[in-house]
Every structure is written in C-alpha cells, then in structure tokens.
All heavy atoms as atom14 arrays in JSON, in Angstrom:
{
  "sequence": "LHKAVHQDLANQKALNFIGNIESGDLLHGAADVVVSDGWTANAALKA",
  "atom14_mask": [
    [1, 1, 1, 1, 1, 1, 1, 1, 0, 0, 0, 0, 0, 0],
    [1, 1, 1, 1, 1, 1, 1, 1, 1, 1, 0, 0, 0, 0],
    [1, 1, 1, 1, 1, 1, 1, 1, 1, 0, 0, 0, 0, 0],
    [1, 1, 1, 1, 1, 0, 0, 0, 0, 0, 0, 0, 0, 0],
    [1, 1, 1, 1, 1, 1, 1, 0, 0, 0, 0, 0, 0, 0],
    [1, 1, 1, 1, 1, 1, 1, 1, 1, 1, 0, 0, 0, 0],
    [1, 1, 1, 1, 1, 1, 1, 1, 1, 0, 0, 0, 0, 0],
    [1, 1, 1, 1, 1, 1, 1, 1, 0, 0, 0, 0, 0, 0],
    [1, 1, 1, 1, 1, 1, 1, 1, 0, 0, 0, 0, 0, 0],
    [1, 1, 1, 1, 1, 0, 0, 0, 0, 0, 0, 0, 0, 0],
    [1, 1, 1, 1, 1, 1, 1, 1, 0, 0, 0, 0, 0, 0],
    [1, 1, 1, 1, 1, 1, 1, 1, 1, 0, 0, 0, 0, 0],
    [1, 1, 1, 1, 1, 1, 1, 1, 1, 0, 0, 0, 0, 0],
    [1, 1, 1, 1, 1, 0, 0, 0, 0, 0, 0, 0, 0, 0],
    [1, 1, 1, 1, 1, 1, 1, 1, 0, 0, 0, 0, 0, 0],
    [1, 1, 1, 1, 1, 1, 1, 1, 0, 0, 0, 0, 0, 0],
    [1, 1, 1, 1, 1, 1, 1, 1, 1, 1, 1, 0, 0, 0],
    [1, 1, 1, 1, 1, 1, 1, 1, 0, 0, 0, 0, 0, 0],
    [1, 1, 1, 1, 0, 0, 0, 0, 0, 0, 0, 0, 0, 0],
    [1, 1, 1, 1, 1, 1, 1, 1, 0, 0, 0, 0, 0, 0],
    [1, 1, 1, 1, 1, 1, 1, 1, 0, 0, 0, 0, 0, 0],
    [1, 1, 1, 1, 1, 1, 1, 1, 1, 0, 0, 0, 0, 0],
    [1, 1, 1, 1, 1, 1, 0, 0, 0, 0, 0, 0, 0, 0],
    [1, 1, 1, 1, 0, 0, 0, 0, 0, 0, 0, 0, 0, 0],
    [1, 1, 1, 1, 1, 1, 1, 1, 0, 0, 0, 0, 0, 0],
    [1, 1, 1, 1, 1, 1, 1, 1, 0, 0, 0, 0, 0, 0],
    [1, 1, 1, 1, 1, 1, 1, 1, 0, 0, 0, 0, 0, 0],
    [1, 1, 1, 1, 1, 1, 1, 1, 1, 1, 0, 0, 0, 0],
    [1, 1, 1, 1, 0, 0, 0, 0, 0, 0, 0, 0, 0, 0],
    [1, 1, 1, 1, 1, 0, 0, 0, 0, 0, 0, 0, 0, 0],
    [1, 1, 1, 1, 1, 0, 0, 0, 0, 0, 0, 0, 0, 0],
    [1, 1, 1, 1, 1, 1, 1, 1, 0, 0, 0, 0, 0, 0],
    [1, 1, 1, 1, 1, 1, 1, 0, 0, 0, 0, 0, 0, 0],
    [1, 1, 1, 1, 1, 1, 1, 0, 0, 0, 0, 0, 0, 0],
    [1, 1, 1, 1, 1, 1, 1, 0, 0, 0, 0, 0, 0, 0],
    [1, 1, 1, 1, 1, 1, 0, 0, 0, 0, 0, 0, 0, 0],
    [1, 1, 1, 1, 1, 1, 1, 1, 0, 0, 0, 0, 0, 0],
    [1, 1, 1, 1, 0, 0, 0, 0, 0, 0, 0, 0, 0, 0],
    [1, 1, 1, 1, 1, 1, 1, 1, 1, 1, 1, 1, 1, 1],
    [1, 1, 1, 1, 1, 1, 1, 0, 0, 0, 0, 0, 0, 0],
    [1, 1, 1, 1, 1, 0, 0, 0, 0, 0, 0, 0, 0, 0],
    [1, 1, 1, 1, 1, 1, 1, 1, 0, 0, 0, 0, 0, 0],
    [1, 1, 1, 1, 1, 0, 0, 0, 0, 0, 0, 0, 0, 0],
    [1, 1, 1, 1, 1, 0, 0, 0, 0, 0, 0, 0, 0, 0],
    [1, 1, 1, 1, 1, 1, 1, 1, 0, 0, 0, 0, 0, 0],
    [1, 1, 1, 1, 1, 1, 1, 1, 1, 0, 0, 0, 0, 0],
    [1, 1, 1, 1, 1, 0, 0, 0, 0, 0, 0, 0, 0, 0]
  ],
  "atom14_positions": [
    [[8.64, -7.38, -27.12], [7.5, -8.28, -27.28], [6.21, -7.59, -26.87], [5.22, -7.6, -27.63], [7.7, -9.55, -26.44], [6.48, -10.48, -26.36], [6.14, -11.06, -27.73], [6.71, -11.59, -25.34], [0.0, 0.0, 0.0], [0.0, 0.0, 0.0], [0.0, 0.0, 0.0], [0.0, 0.0, 0.0], [0.0, 0.0, 0.0], [0.0, 0.0, 0.0]],
    [[6.2, -6.98, -25.7], [4.96, -6.38, -25.21], [4.57, -5.13, -26.0], [3.38, -4.87, -26.2], [5.1, -6.05, -23.71], [5.05, -7.26, -22.84], [6.13, -8.09, -22.65], [4.03, -7.79, -22.1], [5.8, -9.07, -21.84], [4.53, -8.92, -21.5], [0.0, 0.0, 0.0], [0.0, 0.0, 0.0], [0.0, 0.0, 0.0], [0.0, 0.0, 0.0]],
    [[5.55, -4.39, -26.48], [5.22, -3.25, -27.34], [4.58, -3.72, -28.65], [3.6, -3.13, -29.12], [6.49, -2.44, -27.65], [7.05, -1.69, -26.45], [8.33, -0.95, -26.83], [8.92, -0.22, -25.63], [10.19, 0.47, -25.98], [0.0, 0.0, 0.0], [0.0, 0.0, 0.0], [0.0, 0.0, 0.0], [0.0, 0.0, 0.0], [0.0, 0.0, 0.0]],
    [[5.13, -4.8, -29.21], [4.58, -5.32, -30.46], [3.19, -5.91, -30.24], [2.28, -5.71, -31.07], [5.52, -6.39, -31.03], [0.0, 0.0, 0.0], [0.0, 0.0, 0.0], [0.0, 0.0, 0.0], [0.0, 0.0, 0.0], [0.0, 0.0, 0.0], [0.0, 0.0, 0.0], [0.0, 0.0, 0.0], [0.0, 0.0, 0.0], [0.0, 0.0, 0.0]],
    [[3.01, -6.63, -29.14], [1.69, -7.21, -28.85], [0.66, -6.11, -28.63], [-0.49, -6.22, -29.08], [1.78, -8.13, -27.61], [0.38, -8.57, -27.18], [2.62, -9.36, -27.92], [0.0, 0.0, 0.0], [0.0, 0.0, 0.0], [0.0, 0.0, 0.0], [0.0, 0.0, 0.0], [0.0, 0.0, 0.0], [0.0, 0.0, 0.0], [0.0, 0.0, 0.0]],
    [[1.06, -5.05, -27.94], [0.14, -3.92, -27.73], [-0.37, -3.39, -29.06], [-1.57, -3.15, -29.24], [0.86, -2.82, -26.95], [-0.02, -1.68, -26.55], [-0.46, -0.72, -27.44], [-0.58, -1.35, -25.35], [-1.23, 0.15, -26.82], [-1.31, -0.21, -25.55], [0.0, 0.0, 0.0], [0.0, 0.0, 0.0], [0.0, 0.0, 0.0], [0.0, 0.0, 0.0]],
    [[0.53, -3.23, -30.03], [0.13, -2.74, -31.35], [-0.77, -3.74, -32.06], [-1.77, -3.37, -32.69], [1.38, -2.46, -32.19], [1.09, -1.81, -33.54], [0.42, -0.45, -33.39], [0.87, 0.38, -32.61], [-0.66, -0.23, -34.14], [0.0, 0.0, 0.0], [0.0, 0.0, 0.0], [0.0, 0.0, 0.0], [0.0, 0.0, 0.0], [0.0, 0.0, 0.0]],
    [[-0.42, -5.02, -31.96], [-1.23, -6.06, -32.6], [-2.65, -6.07, -32.04], [-3.63, -6.16, -32.79], [-0.6, -7.44, -32.39], [0.69, -7.62, -33.18], [0.9, -6.86, -34.15], [1.47, -8.52, -32.83], [0.0, 0.0, 0.0], [0.0, 0.0, 0.0], [0.0, 0.0, 0.0], [0.0, 0.0, 0.0], [0.0, 0.0, 0.0], [0.0, 0.0, 0.0]],
    [[-2.77, -6.0, -30.72], [-4.1, -6.03, -30.09], [-4.9, -4.78, -30.44], [-6.12, -4.86, -30.64], [-3.95, -6.16, -28.57], [-3.36, -7.48, -28.07], [-3.18, -7.44, -26.55], [-4.23, -8.66, -28.47], [0.0, 0.0, 0.0], [0.0, 0.0, 0.0], [0.0, 0.0, 0.0], [0.0, 0.0, 0.0], [0.0, 0.0, 0.0], [0.0, 0.0, 0.0]],
    [[-4.22, -3.66, -30.54], [-4.92, -2.41, -30.9], [-5.47, -2.49, -32.33], [-6.47, -1.81, -32.64], [-3.96, -1.23, -30.77], [0.0, 0.0, 0.0], [0.0, 0.0, 0.0], [0.0, 0.0, 0.0], [0.0, 0.0, 0.0], [0.0, 0.0, 0.0], [0.0, 0.0, 0.0], [0.0, 0.0, 0.0], [0.0, 0.0, 0.0], [0.0, 0.0, 0.0]],
    [[-4.87, -3.33, -33.18], [-5.32, -3.46, -34.57], [-6.43, -4.5, -34.74], [-6.95, -4.65, -35.84], [-4.14, -3.83, -35.47], [-3.14, -2.7, -35.62], [-3.51, -1.53, -35.5], [-1.89, -3.03, -35.88], [0.0, 0.0, 0.0], [0.0, 0.0, 0.0], [0.0, 0.0, 0.0], [0.0, 0.0, 0.0], [0.0, 0.0, 0.0], [0.0, 0.0, 0.0]],
    [[-6.75, -5.23, -33.68], [-7.77, -6.26, -33.77], [-9.17, -5.65, -33.64], [-9.59, -5.24, -32.56], [-7.56, -7.31, -32.67], [-6.29, -8.11, -32.8], [-6.33, -9.03, -34.0], [-7.27, -9.78, -34.19], [-5.3, -8.97, -34.82], [0.0, 0.0, 0.0], [0.0, 0.0, 0.0], [0.0, 0.0, 0.0], [0.0, 0.0, 0.0], [0.0, 0.0, 0.0]],
    [[-9.87, -5.57, -34.76], [-11.18, -4.92, -34.78], [-12.22, -5.68, -33.96], [-13.2, -5.09, -33.49], [-11.67, -4.77, -36.21], [-10.77, -3.88, -37.07], [-11.27, -3.8, -38.5], [-10.34, -2.97, -39.36], [-10.79, -2.91, -40.79], [0.0, 0.0, 0.0], [0.0, 0.0, 0.0], [0.0, 0.0, 0.0], [0.0, 0.0, 0.0], [0.0, 0.0, 0.0]],
    [[-12.02, -6.97, -33.77], [-12.98, -7.76, -33.01], [-12.8, -7.62, -31.51], [-13.63, -8.11, -30.74], [-12.88, -9.24, -33.41], [0.0, 0.0, 0.0], [0.0, 0.0, 0.0], [0.0, 0.0, 0.0], [0.0, 0.0, 0.0], [0.0, 0.0, 0.0], [0.0, 0.0, 0.0], [0.0, 0.0, 0.0], [0.0, 0.0, 0.0], [0.0, 0.0, 0.0]],
    [[-11.71, -6.96, -31.08], [-11.42, -6.84, -29.66], [-11.72, -5.45, -29.14], [-11.44, -4.45, -29.81], [-9.94, -7.16, -29.39], [-9.44, -8.58, -29.66], [-7.94, -8.65, -29.4], [-10.19, -9.59, -28.8], [0.0, 0.0, 0.0], [0.0, 0.0, 0.0], [0.0, 0.0, 0.0], [0.0, 0.0, 0.0], [0.0, 0.0, 0.0], [0.0, 0.0, 0.0]],
    [[-12.23, -5.38, -27.94], [-12.39, -4.12, -27.23], [-11.14, -3.94, -26.37], [-11.16, -4.12, -25.15], [-13.66, -4.17, -26.37], [-13.87, -2.89, -25.58], [-13.23, -1.86, -25.83], [-14.77, -2.94, -24.6], [0.0, 0.0, 0.0], [0.0, 0.0, 0.0], [0.0, 0.0, 0.0], [0.0, 0.0, 0.0], [0.0, 0.0, 0.0], [0.0, 0.0, 0.0]],
    [[-10.03, -3.59, -27.05], [-8.74, -3.49, -26.37], [-8.6, -2.14, -25.7], [-8.74, -1.1, -26.34], [-7.6, -3.7, -27.37], [-6.23, -3.63, -26.77], [-5.86, -4.5, -25.76], [-5.32, -2.68, -27.22], [-4.59, -4.43, -25.19], [-4.04, -2.61, -26.66], [-3.68, -3.48, -25.65], [0.0, 0.0, 0.0], [0.0, 0.0, 0.0], [0.0, 0.0, 0.0]],
    [[-8.31, -2.15, -24.38], [-8.25, -0.91, -23.61], [-6.83, -0.54, -23.21], [-6.63, 0.45, -22.5], [-9.14, -0.99, -22.36], [-8.66, -2.11, -21.43], [-10.6, -1.17, -22.75], [-9.37, -2.12, -20.08], [0.0, 0.0, 0.0], [0.0, 0.0, 0.0], [0.0, 0.0, 0.0], [0.0, 0.0, 0.0], [0.0, 0.0, 0.0], [0.0, 0.0, 0.0]],
    [[-5.82, -1.33, -23.66], [-4.44, -0.98, -23.39], [-3.8, -1.85, -22.31], [-4.24, -2.95, -22.03], [0.0, 0.0, 0.0], [0.0, 0.0, 0.0], [0.0, 0.0, 0.0], [0.0, 0.0, 0.0], [0.0, 0.0, 0.0], [0.0, 0.0, 0.0], [0.0, 0.0, 0.0], [0.0, 0.0, 0.0], [0.0, 0.0, 0.0], [0.0, 0.0, 0.0]],
    [[-2.73, -1.32, -21.72], [-1.97, -2.05, -20.71], [-2.62, -1.98, -19.34], [-3.35, -1.02, -19.03], [-0.55, -1.49, -20.6], [0.28, -1.78, -21.83], [0.12, -2.8, -22.49], [1.2, -0.86, -22.16], [0.0, 0.0, 0.0], [0.0, 0.0, 0.0], [0.0, 0.0, 0.0], [0.0, 0.0, 0.0], [0.0, 0.0, 0.0], [0.0, 0.0, 0.0]],
    [[-2.32, -2.98, -18.51], [-2.73, -2.98, -17.12], [-1.55, -3.44, -16.28], [-0.8, -4.33, -16.67], [-3.97, -3.89, -16.89], [-4.48, -3.76, -15.46], [-3.65, -5.34, -17.22], [-5.8, -4.49, -15.23], [0.0, 0.0, 0.0], [0.0, 0.0, 0.0], [0.0, 0.0, 0.0], [0.0, 0.0, 0.0], [0.0, 0.0, 0.0], [0.0, 0.0, 0.0]],
    [[-1.35, -2.81, -15.13], [-0.29, -3.21, -14.22], [-0.78, -4.27, -13.25], [-1.98, -4.36, -12.97], [0.23, -1.99, -13.45], [0.84, -0.92, -14.34], [1.37, 0.26, -13.54], [1.73, 0.06, -12.36], [1.41, 1.37, -14.09], [0.0, 0.0, 0.0], [0.0, 0.0, 0.0], [0.0, 0.0, 0.0], [0.0, 0.0, 0.0], [0.0, 0.0, 0.0]],
    [[0.15, -5.06, -12.72], [-0.24, -6.16, -11.84], [-0.95, -5.68, -10.58], [-1.81, -6.37, -10.04], [0.99, -6.99, -11.46], [1.96, -6.18, -10.83], [0.0, 0.0, 0.0], [0.0, 0.0, 0.0], [0.0, 0.0, 0.0], [0.0, 0.0, 0.0], [0.0, 0.0, 0.0], [0.0, 0.0, 0.0], [0.0, 0.0, 0.0], [0.0, 0.0, 0.0]],
    [[-0.61, -4.47, -10.12], [-1.27, -3.93, -8.93], [-2.73, -3.61, -9.13], [-3.47, -3.42, -8.15], [0.0, 0.0, 0.0], [0.0, 0.0, 0.0], [0.0, 0.0, 0.0], [0.0, 0.0, 0.0], [0.0, 0.0, 0.0], [0.0, 0.0, 0.0], [0.0, 0.0, 0.0], [0.0, 0.0, 0.0], [0.0, 0.0, 0.0], [0.0, 0.0, 0.0]],
    [[-3.18, -3.54, -10.39], [-4.58, -3.2, -10.69], [-5.41, -4.4, -11.12], [-6.56, -4.25, -11.52], [-4.63, -2.14, -11.8], [-4.02, -0.82, -11.36], [-4.19, -0.46, -10.18], [-3.37, -0.16, -12.19], [0.0, 0.0, 0.0], [0.0, 0.0, 0.0], [0.0, 0.0, 0.0], [0.0, 0.0, 0.0], [0.0, 0.0, 0.0], [0.0, 0.0, 0.0]],
    [[-4.82, -5.6, -11.04], [-5.51, -6.78, -11.56], [-6.87, -7.0, -10.92], [-7.86, -7.31, -11.61], [-4.64, -8.03, -11.33], [-3.48, -8.23, -12.3], [-2.64, -9.43, -11.89], [-4.0, -8.41, -13.73], [0.0, 0.0, 0.0], [0.0, 0.0, 0.0], [0.0, 0.0, 0.0], [0.0, 0.0, 0.0], [0.0, 0.0, 0.0], [0.0, 0.0, 0.0]],
    [[-6.97, -6.85, -9.61], [-8.21, -7.17, -8.9], [-9.15, -5.99, -8.77], [-10.16, -6.07, -8.07], [-7.88, -7.73, -7.5], [-6.94, -8.93, -7.44], [-6.84, -9.45, -6.0], [-7.41, -10.06, -8.37], [0.0, 0.0, 0.0], [0.0, 0.0, 0.0], [0.0, 0.0, 0.0], [0.0, 0.0, 0.0], [0.0, 0.0, 0.0], [0.0, 0.0, 0.0]],
    [[-8.84, -4.9, -9.45], [-9.64, -3.68, -9.31], [-10.76, -3.55, -10.35], [-11.42, -2.52, -10.42], [-8.74, -2.44, -9.36], [-7.89, -2.3, -8.13], [-7.26, -1.12, -7.79], [-7.55, -3.17, -7.16], [-6.58, -1.27, -6.66], [-6.74, -2.53, -6.28], [0.0, 0.0, 0.0], [0.0, 0.0, 0.0], [0.0, 0.0, 0.0], [0.0, 0.0, 0.0]],
    [[-10.93, -4.56, -11.19], [-12.03, -4.53, -12.15], [-11.81, -3.66, -13.35], [-12.76, -3.27, -14.03], [0.0, 0.0, 0.0], [0.0, 0.0, 0.0], [0.0, 0.0, 0.0], [0.0, 0.0, 0.0], [0.0, 0.0, 0.0], [0.0, 0.0, 0.0], [0.0, 0.0, 0.0], [0.0, 0.0, 0.0], [0.0, 0.0, 0.0], [0.0, 0.0, 0.0]],
    [[-10.55, -3.35, -13.68], [-10.27, -2.46, -14.8], [-10.47, -3.14, -16.15], [-10.66, -2.47, -17.16], [-8.84, -1.93, -14.71], [0.0, 0.0, 0.0], [0.0, 0.0, 0.0], [0.0, 0.0, 0.0], [0.0, 0.0, 0.0], [0.0, 0.0, 0.0], [0.0, 0.0, 0.0], [0.0, 0.0, 0.0], [0.0, 0.0, 0.0], [0.0, 0.0, 0.0]],
    [[-10.41, -4.47, -16.18], [-10.56, -5.21, -17.44], [-11.33, -6.5, -17.19], [-11.38, -7.01, -16.07], [-9.2, -5.52, -18.04], [0.0, 0.0, 0.0], [0.0, 0.0, 0.0], [0.0, 0.0, 0.0], [0.0, 0.0, 0.0], [0.0, 0.0, 0.0], [0.0, 0.0, 0.0], [0.0, 0.0, 0.0], [0.0, 0.0, 0.0], [0.0, 0.0, 0.0]],
    [[-11.95, -7.02, -18.26], [-12.69, -8.28, -18.18], [-11.85, -9.46, -18.65], [-12.12, -10.6, -18.29], [-13.96, -8.2, -19.04], [-14.84, -7.04, -18.64], [-15.22, -6.97, -17.47], [-15.14, -6.19, -19.52], [0.0, 0.0, 0.0], [0.0, 0.0, 0.0], [0.0, 0.0, 0.0], [0.0, 0.0, 0.0], [0.0, 0.0, 0.0], [0.0, 0.0, 0.0]],
    [[-10.82, -9.17, -19.47], [-9.88, -10.19, -19.94], [-8.49, -9.6, -19.83], [-8.23, -8.51, -20.37], [-10.16, -10.6, -21.4], [-9.12, -11.62, -21.88], [-11.56, -11.13, -21.57], [0.0, 0.0, 0.0], [0.0, 0.0, 0.0], [0.0, 0.0, 0.0], [0.0, 0.0, 0.0], [0.0, 0.0, 0.0], [0.0, 0.0, 0.0], [0.0, 0.0, 0.0]],
    [[-7.58, -10.29, -19.15], [-6.2, -9.84, -19.03], [-5.31, -10.89, -19.67], [-5.36, -12.07, -19.32], [-5.79, -9.62, -17.56], [-4.31, -9.25, -17.47], [-6.64, -8.52, -16.93], [0.0, 0.0, 0.0], [0.0, 0.0, 0.0], [0.0, 0.0, 0.0], [0.0, 0.0, 0.0], [0.0, 0.0, 0.0], [0.0, 0.0, 0.0], [0.0, 0.0, 0.0]],
    [[-4.48, -10.45, -20.62], [-3.66, -11.35, -21.42], [-2.19, -11.17, -21.04], [-1.73, -10.04, -20.81], [-3.85, -11.04, -22.92], [-2.92, -11.88, -23.77], [-5.29, -11.26, -23.33], [0.0, 0.0, 0.0], [0.0, 0.0, 0.0], [0.0, 0.0, 0.0], [0.0, 0.0, 0.0], [0.0, 0.0, 0.0], [0.0, 0.0, 0.0], [0.0, 0.0, 0.0]],
    [[-1.46, -12.28, -21.01], [-0.03, -12.22, -20.74], [0.63, -13.52, -21.19], [-0.05, -14.51, -21.44], [0.21, -12.02, -19.23], [1.6, -12.04, -18.92], [0.0, 0.0, 0.0], [0.0, 0.0, 0.0], [0.0, 0.0, 0.0], [0.0, 0.0, 0.0], [0.0, 0.0, 0.0], [0.0, 0.0, 0.0], [0.0, 0.0, 0.0], [0.0, 0.0, 0.0]],
    [[1.96, -13.5, -21.24], [2.68, -14.75, -21.4], [2.6, -15.51, -20.08], [2.38, -14.92, -19.01], [4.14, -14.49, -21.78], [4.88, -13.72, -20.7], [4.76, -12.48, -20.68], [5.55, -14.36, -19.88], [0.0, 0.0, 0.0], [0.0, 0.0, 0.0], [0.0, 0.0, 0.0], [0.0, 0.0, 0.0], [0.0, 0.0, 0.0], [0.0, 0.0, 0.0]],
    [[2.77, -16.83, -20.14], [2.55, -17.66, -18.97], [3.51, -17.38, -17.82], [3.11, -17.44, -16.65], [0.0, 0.0, 0.0], [0.0, 0.0, 0.0], [0.0, 0.0, 0.0], [0.0, 0.0, 0.0], [0.0, 0.0, 0.0], [0.0, 0.0, 0.0], [0.0, 0.0, 0.0], [0.0, 0.0, 0.0], [0.0, 0.0, 0.0], [0.0, 0.0, 0.0]],
    [[4.77, -17.07, -18.12], [5.74, -16.83, -17.05], [5.34, -15.59, -16.25], [5.28, -15.61, -15.01], [7.13, -16.64, -17.64], [8.22, -16.64, -16.61], [8.99, -17.69, -16.23], [8.66, -15.51, -15.83], [9.88, -17.3, -15.25], [9.7, -15.97, -14.98], [8.27, -14.18, -15.75], [10.35, -15.14, -14.07], [8.92, -13.34, -14.84], [9.95, -13.82, -14.02]],
    [[5.06, -14.48, -16.97], [4.72, -13.23, -16.29], [3.41, -13.35, -15.54], [3.31, -12.93, -14.38], [4.62, -12.1, -17.32], [5.85, -12.0, -18.05], [4.33, -10.77, -16.65], [0.0, 0.0, 0.0], [0.0, 0.0, 0.0], [0.0, 0.0, 0.0], [0.0, 0.0, 0.0], [0.0, 0.0, 0.0], [0.0, 0.0, 0.0], [0.0, 0.0, 0.0]],
    [[2.41, -13.93, -16.17], [1.1, -14.05, -15.55], [1.14, -14.92, -14.31], [0.51, -14.61, -13.29], [0.09, -14.6, -16.55], [0.0, 0.0, 0.0], [0.0, 0.0, 0.0], [0.0, 0.0, 0.0], [0.0, 0.0, 0.0], [0.0, 0.0, 0.0], [0.0, 0.0, 0.0], [0.0, 0.0, 0.0], [0.0, 0.0, 0.0], [0.0, 0.0, 0.0]],
    [[1.89, -16.02, -14.38], [1.97, -16.91, -13.23], [2.7, -16.25, -12.08], [2.3, -16.37, -10.91], [2.67, -18.21, -13.64], [2.55, -19.28, -12.57], [3.44, -19.44, -11.74], [1.46, -20.02, -12.6], [0.0, 0.0, 0.0], [0.0, 0.0, 0.0], [0.0, 0.0, 0.0], [0.0, 0.0, 0.0], [0.0, 0.0, 0.0], [0.0, 0.0, 0.0]],
    [[3.78, -15.53, -12.38], [4.52, -14.83, -11.33], [3.66, -13.76, -10.67], [3.65, -13.62, -9.44], [5.79, -14.21, -11.92], [0.0, 0.0, 0.0], [0.0, 0.0, 0.0], [0.0, 0.0, 0.0], [0.0, 0.0, 0.0], [0.0, 0.0, 0.0], [0.0, 0.0, 0.0], [0.0, 0.0, 0.0], [0.0, 0.0, 0.0], [0.0, 0.0, 0.0]],
    [[2.92, -12.99, -11.48], [2.06, -11.95, -10.93], [0.93, -12.56, -10.09], [0.56, -12.03, -9.03], [1.47, -11.11, -12.07], [0.0, 0.0, 0.0], [0.0, 0.0, 0.0], [0.0, 0.0, 0.0], [0.0, 0.0, 0.0], [0.0, 0.0, 0.0], [0.0, 0.0, 0.0], [0.0, 0.0, 0.0], [0.0, 0.0, 0.0], [0.0, 0.0, 0.0]],
    [[0.39, -13.69, -10.57], [-0.69, -14.35, -9.84], [-0.22, -14.84, -8.47], [-0.9, -14.64, -7.45], [-1.22, -15.52, -10.66], [-2.33, -16.37, -10.02], [-3.54, -15.53, -9.7], [-2.7, -17.53, -10.94], [0.0, 0.0, 0.0], [0.0, 0.0, 0.0], [0.0, 0.0, 0.0], [0.0, 0.0, 0.0], [0.0, 0.0, 0.0], [0.0, 0.0, 0.0]],
    [[0.97, -15.47, -8.44], [1.47, -15.98, -7.17], [1.83, -14.84, -6.22], [1.64, -14.96, -5.0], [2.68, -16.88, -7.42], [2.29, -18.21, -8.06], [3.49, -19.09, -8.35], [3.04, -20.42, -8.94], [4.19, -21.29, -9.3], [0.0, 0.0, 0.0], [0.0, 0.0, 0.0], [0.0, 0.0, 0.0], [0.0, 0.0, 0.0], [0.0, 0.0, 0.0]],
    [[2.33, -13.73, -6.75], [2.63, -12.58, -5.9], [1.34, -12.0, -5.31], [1.3, -11.62, -4.13], [3.37, -11.5, -6.71], [0.0, 0.0, 0.0], [0.0, 0.0, 0.0], [0.0, 0.0, 0.0], [0.0, 0.0, 0.0], [0.0, 0.0, 0.0], [0.0, 0.0, 0.0], [0.0, 0.0, 0.0], [0.0, 0.0, 0.0], [0.0, 0.0, 0.0]]
  ]
}
C-alpha cells in the first residue's frame, strides 16, 4: 500500500511531494503536510 501510494503521490503534479517521513522526524519540521492511514497516524501520534 505505502509503496503504491508513494508512486501515486510522486505523480501528482499539483503536489510538492518530498517522499517518505519516519515517525521520529514528525516534529522536526521536515514537512508541512504529513499523510497516512488513520490507524498508523493515530498510533504514531499517541506514541
């Protein structure tokens, strides 16, 4: 799923897609928008 989404986002001309981000880097200002499925994002947020 994530490999396919990465390719889809890279093909979106309207997006400034910069690639993957790890949960340990969320608060470091590496991205302005972070996308995920709800289960993963919620788990990372609570951690």
